[in-house]
PDB file of all heavy atoms in Angstrom:
ATOM      1  N   GLN A   1       0.844  -1.181   0.000  1.00  0.00           N
ATOM      2  CA  GLN A   1       0.000   0.000   0.000  1.00  0.00           C
ATOM      3  C   GLN A   1       0.886   1.239   0.000  1.00  0.00           C
ATOM      4  O   GLN A   1       1.670   1.450   0.925  1.00  0.00           O
ATOM      5  CB  GLN A   1      -0.936   0.015   1.207  1.00  0.00           C
ATOM      6  CG  GLN A   1      -1.950   1.139   1.182  1.00  0.00           C
ATOM      7  CD  GLN A   1      -3.007   0.986   2.258  1.00  0.00           C
ATOM      8  OE1 GLN A   1      -2.786   0.346   3.281  1.00  0.00           O
ATOM      9  NE2 GLN A   1      -4.173   1.568   2.023  1.00  0.00           N
ATOM     10  N   ALA A   2       0.756   2.039  -1.047  1.00  0.00           N
ATOM     11  CA  ALA A   2       1.450   3.317  -1.140  1.00  0.00           C
ATOM     12  C   ALA A   2       0.590   4.407  -0.520  1.00  0.00           C
ATOM     13  O   ALA A   2      -0.635   4.265  -0.426  1.00  0.00           O
ATOM     14  CB  ALA A   2       1.764   3.641  -2.594  1.00  0.00           C
ATOM     15  N   PRO A   3       1.193   5.522  -0.090  1.00  0.00           N
ATOM     16  CA  PRO A   3       0.409   6.601   0.517  1.00  0.00           C
ATOM     17  C   PRO A   3      -0.708   7.080  -0.401  1.00  0.00           C
ATOM     18  O   PRO A   3      -0.482   7.373  -1.576  1.00  0.00           O
ATOM     19  CB  PRO A   3       1.448   7.697   0.750  1.00  0.00           C
ATOM     20  CG  PRO A   3       2.742   6.964   0.882  1.00  0.00           C
ATOM     21  CD  PRO A   3       2.635   5.813  -0.069  1.00  0.00           C
ATOM     22  N   GLY A   4      -1.920   7.150   0.136  1.00  0.00           N
ATOM     23  CA  GLY A   4      -3.062   7.602  -0.625  1.00  0.00           C
ATOM     24  C   GLY A   4      -3.613   6.607  -1.620  1.00  0.00           C
ATOM     25  O   GLY A   4      -4.529   6.953  -2.373  1.00  0.00           O
ATOM     26  N   LYS A   5      -3.082   5.390  -1.641  1.00  0.00           N
ATOM     27  CA  LYS A   5      -3.513   4.380  -2.588  1.00  0.00           C
ATOM     28  C   LYS A   5      -4.137   3.187  -1.862  1.00  0.00           C
ATOM     29  O   LYS A   5      -3.941   2.997  -0.666  1.00  0.00           O
ATOM     30  CB  LYS A   5      -2.337   3.893  -3.436  1.00  0.00           C
ATOM     31  CG  LYS A   5      -1.614   4.987  -4.203  1.00  0.00           C
ATOM     32  CD  LYS A   5      -2.502   5.608  -5.258  1.00  0.00           C
ATOM     33  CE  LYS A   5      -1.733   6.625  -6.078  1.00  0.00           C
ATOM     34  NZ  LYS A   5      -2.592   7.252  -7.118  1.00  0.00           N
ATOM     35  N   GLU A   6      -4.893   2.397  -2.599  1.00  0.00           N
ATOM     36  CA  GLU A   6      -5.472   1.179  -2.047  1.00  0.00           C
ATOM     37  C   GLU A   6      -4.412   0.095  -1.924  1.00  0.00           C
ATOM     38  O   GLU A   6      -3.432   0.072  -2.667  1.00  0.00           O
ATOM     39  CB  GLU A   6      -6.617   0.683  -2.927  1.00  0.00           C
ATOM     40  CG  GLU A   6      -7.822   1.591  -2.983  1.00  0.00           C
ATOM     41  CD  GLU A   6      -8.943   1.005  -3.805  1.00  0.00           C
ATOM     42  OE1 GLU A   6      -8.705   0.023  -4.530  1.00  0.00           O
ATOM     43  OE2 GLU A   6     -10.072   1.521  -3.722  1.00  0.00           O
ATOM     44  N   ARG A   7      -4.647  -0.811  -0.989  1.00  0.00           N
ATOM     45  CA  ARG A   7      -3.766  -1.959  -0.846  1.00  0.00           C
ATOM     46  C   ARG A   7      -4.028  -2.949  -1.979  1.00  0.00           C
ATOM     47  O   ARG A   7      -5.182  -3.268  -2.285  1.00  0.00           O
ATOM     48  CB  ARG A   7      -3.980  -2.623   0.510  1.00  0.00           C
ATOM     49  CG  ARG A   7      -3.046  -3.798   0.777  1.00  0.00           C
ATOM     50  CD  ARG A   7      -2.980  -4.133   2.249  1.00  0.00           C
ATOM     51  NE  ARG A   7      -4.277  -4.462   2.802  1.00  0.00           N
ATOM     52  CZ  ARG A   7      -4.509  -4.629   4.102  1.00  0.00           C
ATOM     53  NH1 ARG A   7      -3.521  -4.468   4.966  1.00  0.00           N
ATOM     54  NH2 ARG A   7      -5.719  -4.934   4.530  1.00  0.00           N
ATOM     55  N   VAL A   8      -2.966  -3.421  -2.607  1.00  0.00           N
ATOM     56  CA  VAL A   8      -3.082  -4.336  -3.734  1.00  0.00           C
ATOM     57  C   VAL A   8      -2.251  -5.586  -3.470  1.00  0.00           C
ATOM     58  O   VAL A   8      -1.257  -5.549  -2.746  1.00  0.00           O
ATOM     59  CB  VAL A   8      -2.636  -3.686  -5.055  1.00  0.00           C
ATOM     60  CG1 VAL A   8      -3.540  -2.505  -5.400  1.00  0.00           C
ATOM     61  CG2 VAL A   8      -1.187  -3.234  -4.974  1.00  0.00           C
ATOM     62  N   GLY A   9      -2.663  -6.679  -4.072  1.00  0.00           N
ATOM     63  CA  GLY A   9      -1.931  -7.924  -3.944  1.00  0.00           C
ATOM     64  C   GLY A   9      -0.750  -7.967  -4.892  1.00  0.00           C
ATOM     65  O   GLY A   9      -0.896  -7.731  -6.093  1.00  0.00           O
ATOM     66  N   VAL A  10       0.418  -8.296  -4.372  1.00  0.00           N
ATOM     67  CA  VAL A  10       1.651  -8.351  -5.146  1.00  0.00           C
ATOM     68  C   VAL A  10       1.943  -9.770  -5.618  1.00  0.00           C
ATOM     69  O   VAL A  10       2.227 -10.005  -6.799  1.00  0.00           O
ATOM     70  CB  VAL A  10       2.839  -7.804  -4.334  1.00  0.00           C
ATOM     71  CG1 VAL A  10       4.136  -7.925  -5.126  1.00  0.00           C
ATOM     72  CG2 VAL A  10       2.575  -6.365  -3.921  1.00  0.00           C
ATOM     73  N   ALA A  11       1.887 -10.723  -4.708  1.00  0.00           N
ATOM     74  CA  ALA A  11       2.202 -12.109  -5.026  1.00  0.00           C
ATOM     75  C   ALA A  11       1.636 -13.007  -3.942  1.00  0.00           C
ATOM     76  O   ALA A  11       1.442 -12.585  -2.809  1.00  0.00           O
ATOM     77  CB  ALA A  11       3.716 -12.322  -5.154  1.00  0.00           C
ATOM     78  N   CYS A  12       1.378 -14.263  -4.296  1.00  0.00           N
ATOM     79  CA  CYS A  12       0.978 -15.244  -3.301  1.00  0.00           C
ATOM     80  C   CYS A  12       1.532 -16.599  -3.689  1.00  0.00           C
ATOM     81  O   CYS A  12       1.879 -16.835  -4.855  1.00  0.00           O
ATOM     82  CB  CYS A  12      -0.541 -15.303  -3.101  1.00  0.00           C
ATOM     83  SG  CYS A  12      -1.502 -15.939  -4.486  1.00  0.00           S
ATOM     84  N   ILE A  13       1.599 -17.480  -2.697  1.00  0.00           N
ATOM     85  CA  ILE A  13       2.132 -18.819  -2.910  1.00  0.00           C
ATOM     86  C   ILE A  13       1.336 -19.810  -2.071  1.00  0.00           C
ATOM     87  O   ILE A  13       0.919 -19.507  -0.954  1.00  0.00           O
ATOM     88  CB  ILE A  13       3.637 -18.880  -2.564  1.00  0.00           C
ATOM     89  CG1 ILE A  13       4.230 -20.239  -2.930  1.00  0.00           C
ATOM     90  CG2 ILE A  13       3.869 -18.557  -1.086  1.00  0.00           C
ATOM     91  CD1 ILE A  13       5.754 -20.267  -2.835  1.00  0.00           C
ATOM     92  N   SER A  14       1.101 -20.982  -2.622  1.00  0.00           N
ATOM     93  CA  SER A  14       0.492 -22.089  -1.914  1.00  0.00           C
ATOM     94  C   SER A  14       1.211 -23.358  -2.345  1.00  0.00           C
ATOM     95  O   SER A  14       2.238 -23.302  -3.027  1.00  0.00           O
ATOM     96  CB  SER A  14      -1.009 -22.177  -2.179  1.00  0.00           C
ATOM     97  OG  SER A  14      -1.276 -22.432  -3.550  1.00  0.00           O
ATOM     98  N   TYR A  15       0.668 -24.507  -1.957  1.00  0.00           N
ATOM     99  CA  TYR A  15       1.385 -25.750  -2.213  1.00  0.00           C
ATOM    100  C   TYR A  15       1.575 -26.043  -3.691  1.00  0.00           C
ATOM    101  O   TYR A  15       2.512 -26.743  -4.072  1.00  0.00           O
ATOM    102  CB  TYR A  15       0.673 -26.925  -1.530  1.00  0.00           C
ATOM    103  CG  TYR A  15      -0.583 -27.384  -2.232  1.00  0.00           C
ATOM    104  CD1 TYR A  15      -0.570 -28.548  -2.995  1.00  0.00           C
ATOM    105  CD2 TYR A  15      -1.764 -26.681  -2.124  1.00  0.00           C
ATOM    106  CE1 TYR A  15      -1.709 -28.984  -3.639  1.00  0.00           C
ATOM    107  CE2 TYR A  15      -2.908 -27.101  -2.764  1.00  0.00           C
ATOM    108  CZ  TYR A  15      -2.880 -28.254  -3.523  1.00  0.00           C
ATOM    109  OH  TYR A  15      -4.015 -28.691  -4.167  1.00  0.00           O
ATOM    110  N   ASP A  16       0.678 -25.492  -4.541  1.00  0.00           N
ATOM    111  CA  ASP A  16       0.753 -25.814  -5.965  1.00  0.00           C
ATOM    112  C   ASP A  16       0.672 -24.600  -6.876  1.00  0.00           C
ATOM    113  O   ASP A  16       0.591 -24.772  -8.100  1.00  0.00           O
ATOM    114  CB  ASP A  16      -0.334 -26.817  -6.341  1.00  0.00           C
ATOM    115  CG  ASP A  16      -1.740 -26.258  -6.198  1.00  0.00           C
ATOM    116  OD1 ASP A  16      -1.909 -25.200  -5.563  1.00  0.00           O
ATOM    117  OD2 ASP A  16      -2.682 -26.894  -6.706  1.00  0.00           O
ATOM    118  N   SER A  17       0.710 -23.375  -6.333  1.00  0.00           N
ATOM    119  CA  SER A  17       0.477 -22.198  -7.164  1.00  0.00           C
ATOM    120  C   SER A  17       1.293 -21.008  -6.703  1.00  0.00           C
ATOM    121  O   SER A  17       1.580 -20.851  -5.521  1.00  0.00           O
ATOM    122  CB  SER A  17      -0.998 -21.808  -7.160  1.00  0.00           C
ATOM    123  OG  SER A  17      -1.820 -22.860  -7.628  1.00  0.00           O
ATOM    124  N   THR A  18       1.657 -20.163  -7.664  1.00  0.00           N
ATOM    125  CA  THR A  18       2.161 -18.828  -7.390  1.00  0.00           C
ATOM    126  C   THR A  18       1.506 -17.867  -8.367  1.00  0.00           C
ATOM    127  O   THR A  18       1.262 -18.220  -9.522  1.00  0.00           O
ATOM    128  CB  THR A  18       3.689 -18.723  -7.524  1.00  0.00           C
ATOM    129  OG1 THR A  18       4.080 -19.106  -8.853  1.00  0.00           O
ATOM    130  CG2 THR A  18       4.392 -19.605  -6.507  1.00  0.00           C
ATOM    131  N   TYR A  19       1.239 -16.650  -7.902  1.00  0.00           N
ATOM    132  CA  TYR A  19       0.667 -15.616  -8.744  1.00  0.00           C
ATOM    133  C   TYR A  19       1.349 -14.299  -8.448  1.00  0.00           C
ATOM    134  O   TYR A  19       1.786 -14.048  -7.328  1.00  0.00           O
ATOM    135  CB  TYR A  19      -0.844 -15.494  -8.525  1.00  0.00           C
ATOM    136  CG  TYR A  19      -1.632 -16.673  -9.022  1.00  0.00           C
ATOM    137  CD1 TYR A  19      -2.036 -17.679  -8.160  1.00  0.00           C
ATOM    138  CD2 TYR A  19      -1.969 -16.788 -10.369  1.00  0.00           C
ATOM    139  CE1 TYR A  19      -2.752 -18.765  -8.612  1.00  0.00           C
ATOM    140  CE2 TYR A  19      -2.683 -17.875 -10.834  1.00  0.00           C
ATOM    141  CZ  TYR A  19      -3.072 -18.859  -9.951  1.00  0.00           C
ATOM    142  OH  TYR A  19      -3.788 -19.942 -10.416  1.00  0.00           O
ATOM    143  N   TYR A  20       1.423 -13.437  -9.475  1.00  0.00           N
ATOM    144  CA  TYR A  20       2.041 -12.131  -9.366  1.00  0.00           C
ATOM    145  C   TYR A  20       1.174 -11.096 -10.064  1.00  0.00           C
ATOM    146  O   TYR A  20       0.534 -11.377 -11.078  1.00  0.00           O
ATOM    147  CB  TYR A  20       3.424 -12.111 -10.022  1.00  0.00           C
ATOM    148  CG  TYR A  20       4.422 -13.066  -9.425  1.00  0.00           C
ATOM    149  CD1 TYR A  20       4.521 -14.373  -9.889  1.00  0.00           C
ATOM    150  CD2 TYR A  20       5.275 -12.661  -8.408  1.00  0.00           C
ATOM    151  CE1 TYR A  20       5.439 -15.250  -9.344  1.00  0.00           C
ATOM    152  CE2 TYR A  20       6.200 -13.530  -7.864  1.00  0.00           C
ATOM    153  CZ  TYR A  20       6.278 -14.827  -8.340  1.00  0.00           C
ATOM    154  OH  TYR A  20       7.198 -15.697  -7.803  1.00  0.00           O
ATOM    155  N   MET A  21       1.181  -9.886  -9.531  1.00  0.00           N
ATOM    156  CA  MET A  21       0.568  -8.800 -10.268  1.00  0.00           C
ATOM    157  C   MET A  21       1.447  -8.469 -11.469  1.00  0.00           C
ATOM    158  O   MET A  21       2.669  -8.658 -11.442  1.00  0.00           O
ATOM    159  CB  MET A  21       0.363  -7.571  -9.372  1.00  0.00           C
ATOM    160  CG  MET A  21       1.629  -6.938  -8.833  1.00  0.00           C
ATOM    161  SD  MET A  21       1.307  -5.555  -7.701  1.00  0.00           S
ATOM    162  CE  MET A  21       0.442  -4.419  -8.776  1.00  0.00           C
ATOM    163  N   ASP A  22       0.834  -7.962 -12.522  1.00  0.00           N
ATOM    164  CA  ASP A  22       1.536  -7.804 -13.790  1.00  0.00           C
ATOM    165  C   ASP A  22       2.781  -6.924 -13.684  1.00  0.00           C
ATOM    166  O   ASP A  22       3.809  -7.208 -14.315  1.00  0.00           O
ATOM    167  CB  ASP A  22       0.591  -7.230 -14.844  1.00  0.00           C
ATOM    168  CG  ASP A  22      -0.445  -8.225 -15.315  1.00  0.00           C
ATOM    169  OD1 ASP A  22      -0.249  -9.432 -15.109  1.00  0.00           O
ATOM    170  OD2 ASP A  22      -1.454  -7.792 -15.909  1.00  0.00           O
ATOM    171  N   SER A  23       2.727  -5.872 -12.899  1.00  0.00           N
ATOM    172  CA  SER A  23       3.817  -4.906 -12.870  1.00  0.00           C
ATOM    173  C   SER A  23       5.086  -5.434 -12.208  1.00  0.00           C
ATOM    174  O   SER A  23       6.136  -4.802 -12.322  1.00  0.00           O
ATOM    175  CB  SER A  23       3.370  -3.619 -12.172  1.00  0.00           C
ATOM    176  OG  SER A  23       3.051  -3.850 -10.816  1.00  0.00           O
ATOM    177  N   VAL A  24       5.013  -6.574 -11.512  1.00  0.00           N
ATOM    178  CA  VAL A  24       6.200  -7.117 -10.856  1.00  0.00           C
ATOM    179  C   VAL A  24       6.671  -8.421 -11.487  1.00  0.00           C
ATOM    180  O   VAL A  24       7.716  -8.948 -11.082  1.00  0.00           O
ATOM    181  CB  VAL A  24       5.972  -7.337  -9.342  1.00  0.00           C
ATOM    182  CG1 VAL A  24       5.464  -6.057  -8.692  1.00  0.00           C
ATOM    183  CG2 VAL A  24       5.021  -8.499  -9.085  1.00  0.00           C
ATOM    184  N   LYS A  25       5.962  -8.938 -12.466  1.00  0.00           N
ATOM    185  CA  LYS A  25       6.373 -10.182 -13.112  1.00  0.00           C
ATOM    186  C   LYS A  25       7.747 -10.010 -13.755  1.00  0.00           C
ATOM    187  O   LYS A  25       8.018  -9.031 -14.435  1.00  0.00           O
ATOM    188  CB  LYS A  25       5.353 -10.599 -14.167  1.00  0.00           C
ATOM    189  CG  LYS A  25       4.047 -11.121 -13.599  1.00  0.00           C
ATOM    190  CD  LYS A  25       3.090 -11.547 -14.706  1.00  0.00           C
ATOM    191  CE  LYS A  25       1.805 -12.111 -14.130  1.00  0.00           C
ATOM    192  NZ  LYS A  25       0.840 -12.491 -15.197  1.00  0.00           N
ATOM    193  N   GLY A  26       8.603 -10.986 -13.535  1.00  0.00           N
ATOM    194  CA  GLY A  26       9.959 -10.933 -14.043  1.00  0.00           C
ATOM    195  C   GLY A  26      10.928 -10.205 -13.147  1.00  0.00           C
ATOM    196  O   GLY A  26      12.143 -10.286 -13.374  1.00  0.00           O
ATOM    197  N   ARG A  27      10.438  -9.492 -12.149  1.00  0.00           N
ATOM    198  CA  ARG A  27      11.293  -8.759 -11.221  1.00  0.00           C
ATOM    199  C   ARG A  27      11.207  -9.298  -9.792  1.00  0.00           C
ATOM    200  O   ARG A  27      12.214  -9.262  -9.081  1.00  0.00           O
ATOM    201  CB  ARG A  27      10.919  -7.275 -11.205  1.00  0.00           C
ATOM    202  CG  ARG A  27      11.073  -6.583 -12.555  1.00  0.00           C
ATOM    203  CD  ARG A  27      10.918  -5.076 -12.427  1.00  0.00           C
ATOM    204  NE  ARG A  27       9.587  -4.700 -11.960  1.00  0.00           N
ATOM    205  CZ  ARG A  27       9.351  -4.039 -10.821  1.00  0.00           C
ATOM    206  NH1 ARG A  27      10.349  -3.676 -10.037  1.00  0.00           N
ATOM    207  NH2 ARG A  27       8.108  -3.721 -10.478  1.00  0.00           N
ATOM    208  N   PHE A  28      10.035  -9.756  -9.375  1.00  0.00           N
ATOM    209  CA  PHE A  28       9.827 -10.266  -8.015  1.00  0.00           C
ATOM    210  C   PHE A  28       9.660 -11.779  -8.052  1.00  0.00           C
ATOM    211  O   PHE A  28       9.093 -12.334  -9.005  1.00  0.00           O
ATOM    212  CB  PHE A  28       8.568  -9.664  -7.387  1.00  0.00           C
ATOM    213  CG  PHE A  28       8.666  -8.201  -7.044  1.00  0.00           C
ATOM    214  CD1 PHE A  28       9.714  -7.415  -7.489  1.00  0.00           C
ATOM    215  CD2 PHE A  28       7.684  -7.619  -6.260  1.00  0.00           C
ATOM    216  CE1 PHE A  28       9.792  -6.070  -7.170  1.00  0.00           C
ATOM    217  CE2 PHE A  28       7.751  -6.275  -5.928  1.00  0.00           C
ATOM    218  CZ  PHE A  28       8.798  -5.503  -6.383  1.00  0.00           C
ATOM    219  N   THR A  29      10.118 -12.445  -6.997  1.00  0.00           N
ATOM    220  CA  THR A  29       9.968 -13.881  -6.864  1.00  0.00           C
ATOM    221  C   THR A  29       9.541 -14.217  -5.441  1.00  0.00           C
ATOM    222  O   THR A  29      10.223 -13.836  -4.488  1.00  0.00           O
ATOM    223  CB  THR A  29      11.271 -14.626  -7.191  1.00  0.00           C
ATOM    224  OG1 THR A  29      11.721 -14.281  -8.506  1.00  0.00           O
ATOM    225  CG2 THR A  29      11.046 -16.134  -7.121  1.00  0.00           C
ATOM    226  N   ILE A  30       8.427 -14.932  -5.303  1.00  0.00           N
ATOM    227  CA  ILE A  30       7.975 -15.384  -4.001  1.00  0.00           C
ATOM    228  C   ILE A  30       8.391 -16.836  -3.828  1.00  0.00           C
ATOM    229  O   ILE A  30       8.321 -17.631  -4.767  1.00  0.00           O
ATOM    230  CB  ILE A  30       6.451 -15.206  -3.835  1.00  0.00           C
ATOM    231  CG1 ILE A  30       6.021 -15.471  -2.389  1.00  0.00           C
ATOM    232  CG2 ILE A  30       5.671 -16.084  -4.804  1.00  0.00           C
ATOM    233  CD1 ILE A  30       4.591 -15.052  -2.087  1.00  0.00           C
ATOM    234  N   SER A  31       8.848 -17.183  -2.633  1.00  0.00           N
ATOM    235  CA  SER A  31       9.304 -18.538  -2.363  1.00  0.00           C
ATOM    236  C   SER A  31       8.995 -18.903  -0.919  1.00  0.00           C
ATOM    237  O   SER A  31       8.681 -18.041  -0.092  1.00  0.00           O
ATOM    238  CB  SER A  31      10.799 -18.692  -2.649  1.00  0.00           C
ATOM    239  OG  SER A  31      11.569 -17.846  -1.814  1.00  0.00           O
ATOM    240  N   ARG A  32       9.111 -20.190  -0.620  1.00  0.00           N
ATOM    241  CA  ARG A  32       8.759 -20.710   0.700  1.00  0.00           C
ATOM    242  C   ARG A  32       9.809 -21.696   1.161  1.00  0.00           C
ATOM    243  O   ARG A  32      10.268 -22.551   0.388  1.00  0.00           O
ATOM    244  CB  ARG A  32       7.374 -21.375   0.627  1.00  0.00           C
ATOM    245  CG  ARG A  32       6.862 -21.966   1.922  1.00  0.00           C
ATOM    246  CD  ARG A  32       5.490 -22.597   1.695  1.00  0.00           C
ATOM    247  NE  ARG A  32       5.547 -23.694   0.749  1.00  0.00           N
ATOM    248  CZ  ARG A  32       4.619 -23.966  -0.147  1.00  0.00           C
ATOM    249  NH1 ARG A  32       3.532 -23.184  -0.239  1.00  0.00           N
ATOM    250  NH2 ARG A  32       4.754 -25.002  -0.963  1.00  0.00           N
ATOM    251  N   ASP A  33      10.198 -21.595   2.418  1.00  0.00           N
ATOM    252  CA  ASP A  33      11.106 -22.537   3.055  1.00  0.00           C
ATOM    253  C   ASP A  33      10.331 -23.195   4.185  1.00  0.00           C
ATOM    254  O   ASP A  33      10.167 -22.621   5.259  1.00  0.00           O
ATOM    255  CB  ASP A  33      12.356 -21.834   3.576  1.00  0.00           C
ATOM    256  CG  ASP A  33      13.407 -22.799   4.088  1.00  0.00           C
ATOM    257  OD1 ASP A  33      13.052 -23.917   4.523  1.00  0.00           O
ATOM    258  OD2 ASP A  33      14.599 -22.438   4.064  1.00  0.00           O
ATOM    259  N   ASN A  34       9.834 -24.409   3.945  1.00  0.00           N
ATOM    260  CA  ASN A  34       8.995 -25.080   4.929  1.00  0.00           C
ATOM    261  C   ASN A  34       9.757 -25.393   6.216  1.00  0.00           C
ATOM    262  O   ASN A  34       9.194 -25.323   7.308  1.00  0.00           O
ATOM    263  CB  ASN A  34       8.414 -26.365   4.342  1.00  0.00           C
ATOM    264  CG  ASN A  34       7.426 -26.118   3.224  1.00  0.00           C
ATOM    265  OD1 ASN A  34       6.799 -25.055   3.155  1.00  0.00           O
ATOM    266  ND2 ASN A  34       7.266 -27.093   2.343  1.00  0.00           N
ATOM    267  N   ALA A  35      11.031 -25.755   6.091  1.00  0.00           N
ATOM    268  CA  ALA A  35      11.827 -26.089   7.268  1.00  0.00           C
ATOM    269  C   ALA A  35      11.972 -24.896   8.203  1.00  0.00           C
ATOM    270  O   ALA A  35      12.010 -25.057   9.423  1.00  0.00           O
ATOM    271  CB  ALA A  35      13.190 -26.620   6.857  1.00  0.00           C
ATOM    272  N   ARG A  36      12.084 -23.705   7.632  1.00  0.00           N
ATOM    273  CA  ARG A  36      12.206 -22.488   8.431  1.00  0.00           C
ATOM    274  C   ARG A  36      10.854 -21.830   8.683  1.00  0.00           C
ATOM    275  O   ARG A  36      10.796 -20.816   9.393  1.00  0.00           O
ATOM    276  CB  ARG A  36      13.133 -21.496   7.740  1.00  0.00           C
ATOM    277  CG  ARG A  36      14.569 -21.986   7.615  1.00  0.00           C
ATOM    278  CD  ARG A  36      15.442 -20.947   6.944  1.00  0.00           C
ATOM    279  NE  ARG A  36      16.816 -21.409   6.799  1.00  0.00           N
ATOM    280  CZ  ARG A  36      17.759 -21.251   7.705  1.00  0.00           C
ATOM    281  NH1 ARG A  36      17.491 -20.620   8.848  1.00  0.00           N
ATOM    282  NH2 ARG A  36      18.985 -21.711   7.491  1.00  0.00           N
ATOM    283  N   ASN A  37       9.784 -22.379   8.102  1.00  0.00           N
ATOM    284  CA  ASN A  37       8.445 -21.818   8.223  1.00  0.00           C
ATOM    285  C   ASN A  37       8.449 -20.330   7.858  1.00  0.00           C
ATOM    286  O   ASN A  37       7.903 -19.483   8.575  1.00  0.00           O
ATOM    287  CB  ASN A  37       7.876 -22.018   9.632  1.00  0.00           C
ATOM    288  CG  ASN A  37       6.359 -21.950   9.652  1.00  0.00           C
ATOM    289  OD1 ASN A  37       5.696 -22.497   8.770  1.00  0.00           O
ATOM    290  ND2 ASN A  37       5.800 -21.285  10.661  1.00  0.00           N
ATOM    291  N   THR A  38       9.062 -20.026   6.712  1.00  0.00           N
ATOM    292  CA  THR A  38       9.261 -18.652   6.284  1.00  0.00           C
ATOM    293  C   THR A  38       8.940 -18.525   4.801  1.00  0.00           C
ATOM    294  O   THR A  38       9.238 -19.425   4.010  1.00  0.00           O
ATOM    295  CB  THR A  38      10.704 -18.198   6.543  1.00  0.00           C
ATOM    296  OG1 THR A  38      10.983 -18.278   7.943  1.00  0.00           O
ATOM    297  CG2 THR A  38      10.921 -16.765   6.082  1.00  0.00           C
ATOM    298  N   VAL A  39       8.339 -17.406   4.431  1.00  0.00           N
ATOM    299  CA  VAL A  39       8.083 -17.059   3.046  1.00  0.00           C
ATOM    300  C   VAL A  39       8.877 -15.802   2.714  1.00  0.00           C
ATOM    301  O   VAL A  39       8.934 -14.866   3.521  1.00  0.00           O
ATOM    302  CB  VAL A  39       6.580 -16.845   2.784  1.00  0.00           C
ATOM    303  CG1 VAL A  39       6.343 -16.274   1.392  1.00  0.00           C
ATOM    304  CG2 VAL A  39       5.837 -18.165   2.929  1.00  0.00           C
TER     305      VAL A  39
END
């Protein structure tokens, strides 16, 4: 969420899927480390 703007979804991850908003595709990467319980 930027100042004065609505909150928007950037990326998400689940056991079988990842999604990105168009403006960050190719630049952002979401990942998960189950052993560390960290995204």
